[in-house]
Every structure is written in C-alpha cells, then in structure tokens.
C-alpha cells in the first residue's frame, strides 16, 4: 500500500506548526509544506476546507485541524 499524500498548511511563526513539522520529520514521512502567509493558493485552499487556523495537515483526503498527534498516529502509516 502506497503512503498517503501529506500536506502541511502552516506558518513559520506558529509553534503548533513547528511541532507538526518536527513530528512528520521524526516519523520519516515525506510531506509538502505550504506557508499560508506567502502562498495565496494555500490560503484559498484552507478557506475551502473551512479551516479557522493552522496547522492543518491533510493526509490523503482527511484534514486534521491543529496538531492532533493521536489522530495523526491513526491516519499515518507506521514507520
């Protein structure tokens, strides 16, 4: 089974975004990171997702609002 596509929407100054980034790196997972302060398309995508803040981690088709380690552990493949 192929690993799901992972996208992290966040900002550089956000502590929870930093935690999410570090978590994904520690798990050895490839992910795309989009800074919503610098990327208008990423801002629009978050608006369509109904997100009210960052980070938002999209795993496959599932969006996780905030850094929710438990939910991410359930969604992501074991490494």
C-alpha atoms as a PDB file:
ATOM      1  CA  UNK A   1       0.000   0.000   0.000  1.00  0.00           C
ATOM      2  CA  UNK A   2       1.394   3.396  -1.004  1.00  0.00           C
ATOM      3  CA  UNK A   3       1.903   6.079   1.623  1.00  0.00           C
ATOM      4  CA  UNK A   4      -0.776   8.774   1.574  1.00  0.00           C
ATOM      5  CA  UNK A   5      -0.028  12.249   0.278  1.00  0.00           C
ATOM      6  CA  UNK A   6       0.620  14.599   3.207  1.00  0.00           C
ATOM      7  CA  UNK A   7       0.342  18.388   3.037  1.00  0.00           C
ATOM      8  CA  UNK A   8       1.074  20.689   5.961  1.00  0.00           C
ATOM      9  CA  UNK A   9      -0.509  24.138   5.818  1.00  0.00           C
ATOM     10  CA  UNK A  10       1.033  26.496   8.326  1.00  0.00           C
ATOM     11  CA  UNK A  11       3.272  29.470   9.021  1.00  0.00           C
ATOM     12  CA  UNK A  12       6.880  29.815  10.096  1.00  0.00           C
ATOM     13  CA  UNK A  13       5.988  31.601  13.351  1.00  0.00           C
ATOM     14  CA  UNK A  14       3.359  29.138  14.572  1.00  0.00           C
ATOM     15  CA  UNK A  15       4.582  26.890  17.449  1.00  0.00           C
ATOM     16  CA  UNK A  16       1.997  24.170  16.707  1.00  0.00           C
ATOM     17  CA  UNK A  17       3.078  24.212  13.042  1.00  0.00           C
ATOM     18  CA  UNK A  18       6.662  23.673  14.175  1.00  0.00           C
ATOM     19  CA  UNK A  19       5.537  20.730  16.328  1.00  0.00           C
ATOM     20  CA  UNK A  20       3.664  19.215  13.386  1.00  0.00           C
ATOM     21  CA  UNK A  21       6.652  19.694  11.074  1.00  0.00           C
ATOM     22  CA  UNK A  22       9.017  18.098  13.612  1.00  0.00           C
ATOM     23  CA  UNK A  23       6.593  15.209  14.175  1.00  0.00           C
ATOM     24  CA  UNK A  24       6.346  14.416  10.458  1.00  0.00           C
ATOM     25  CA  UNK A  25      10.132  14.650  10.013  1.00  0.00           C
ATOM     26  CA  UNK A  26      10.752  12.432  13.051  1.00  0.00           C
ATOM     27  CA  UNK A  27       8.443   9.814  11.542  1.00  0.00           C
ATOM     28  CA  UNK A  28      10.468   9.949   8.314  1.00  0.00           C
ATOM     29  CA  UNK A  29       7.441  10.915   6.245  1.00  0.00           C
ATOM     30  CA  UNK A  30       7.604  12.890   3.018  1.00  0.00           C
ATOM     31  CA  UNK A  31       5.279  15.881   3.077  1.00  0.00           C
ATOM     32  CA  UNK A  32       4.624  19.095   1.228  1.00  0.00           C
ATOM     33  CA  UNK A  33       4.633  22.244   3.341  1.00  0.00           C
ATOM     34  CA  UNK A  34       2.728  25.359   2.289  1.00  0.00           C
ATOM     35  CA  UNK A  35       3.158  28.669   4.118  1.00  0.00           C
ATOM     36  CA  UNK A  36      -0.220  30.399   4.074  1.00  0.00           C
ATOM     37  CA  UNK A  37       1.386  33.782   4.724  1.00  0.00           C
ATOM     38  CA  UNK A  38       3.291  33.551   1.454  1.00  0.00           C
ATOM     39  CA  UNK A  39       1.058  31.397  -0.731  1.00  0.00           C
ATOM     40  CA  UNK A  40      -2.304  32.794  -1.846  1.00  0.00           C
ATOM     41  CA  UNK A  41      -3.384  29.457  -3.335  1.00  0.00           C
ATOM     42  CA  UNK A  42      -2.739  27.755   0.020  1.00  0.00           C
ATOM     43  CA  UNK A  43      -4.863  30.424   1.748  1.00  0.00           C
ATOM     44  CA  UNK A  44      -7.722  29.761  -0.659  1.00  0.00           C
ATOM     45  CA  UNK A  45      -7.444  26.001  -0.168  1.00  0.00           C
ATOM     46  CA  UNK A  46      -7.661  26.417   3.610  1.00  0.00           C
ATOM     47  CA  UNK A  47     -10.738  28.602   3.197  1.00  0.00           C
ATOM     48  CA  UNK A  48     -12.396  25.863   1.096  1.00  0.00           C
ATOM     49  CA  UNK A  49     -11.544  23.333   3.810  1.00  0.00           C
ATOM     50  CA  UNK A  50     -13.258  25.548   6.371  1.00  0.00           C
ATOM     51  CA  UNK A  51     -10.079  25.862   8.441  1.00  0.00           C
ATOM     52  CA  UNK A  52     -10.000  28.624  11.023  1.00  0.00           C
ATOM     53  CA  UNK A  53      -6.336  28.357  11.943  1.00  0.00           C
ATOM     54  CA  UNK A  54      -3.104  26.489  11.396  1.00  0.00           C
ATOM     55  CA  UNK A  55      -1.679  23.987  11.272  1.00  0.00           C
ATOM     56  CA  UNK A  56      -3.887  21.936   9.031  1.00  0.00           C
ATOM     57  CA  UNK A  57      -2.408  18.607   7.984  1.00  0.00           C
ATOM     58  CA  UNK A  58      -4.097  16.890   5.063  1.00  0.00           C
ATOM     59  CA  UNK A  59      -3.449  13.144   4.932  1.00  0.00           C
ATOM     60  CA  UNK A  60      -4.859  11.743   1.726  1.00  0.00           C
ATOM     61  CA  UNK A  61      -8.397  13.184   1.731  1.00  0.00           C
ATOM     62  CA  UNK A  62      -8.619  13.762   5.507  1.00  0.00           C
ATOM     63  CA  UNK A  63      -7.885  17.171   7.028  1.00  0.00           C
ATOM     64  CA  UNK A  64      -6.616  17.351  10.599  1.00  0.00           C
ATOM     65  CA  UNK A  65      -7.146  20.758  12.185  1.00  0.00           C
ATOM     66  CA  UNK A  66      -4.433  21.625  14.668  1.00  0.00           C
ATOM     67  CA  UNK A  67      -1.612  19.370  15.764  1.00  0.00           C
ATOM     68  CA  UNK A  68      -3.512  16.300  16.964  1.00  0.00           C
ATOM     69  CA  UNK A  69      -0.864  13.623  17.490  1.00  0.00           C
ATOM     70  CA  UNK A  70      -3.436  10.915  18.286  1.00  0.00           C
ATOM     71  CA  UNK A  71      -5.402  11.483  15.102  1.00  0.00           C
ATOM     72  CA  UNK A  72      -2.212  11.661  13.049  1.00  0.00           C
ATOM     73  CA  UNK A  73      -0.954   8.402  14.595  1.00  0.00           C
ATOM     74  CA  UNK A  74      -4.179   6.713  13.444  1.00  0.00           C
ATOM     75  CA  UNK A  75      -4.022   8.159   9.914  1.00  0.00           C
ATOM     76  CA  UNK A  76      -0.346   7.781   9.114  1.00  0.00           C
ATOM     77  CA  UNK A  77       1.478   4.583   8.237  1.00  0.00           C
ATOM     78  CA  UNK A  78       3.670   3.017  10.876  1.00  0.00           C
ATOM     79  CA  UNK A  79       7.363   3.693  10.310  1.00  0.00           C
END
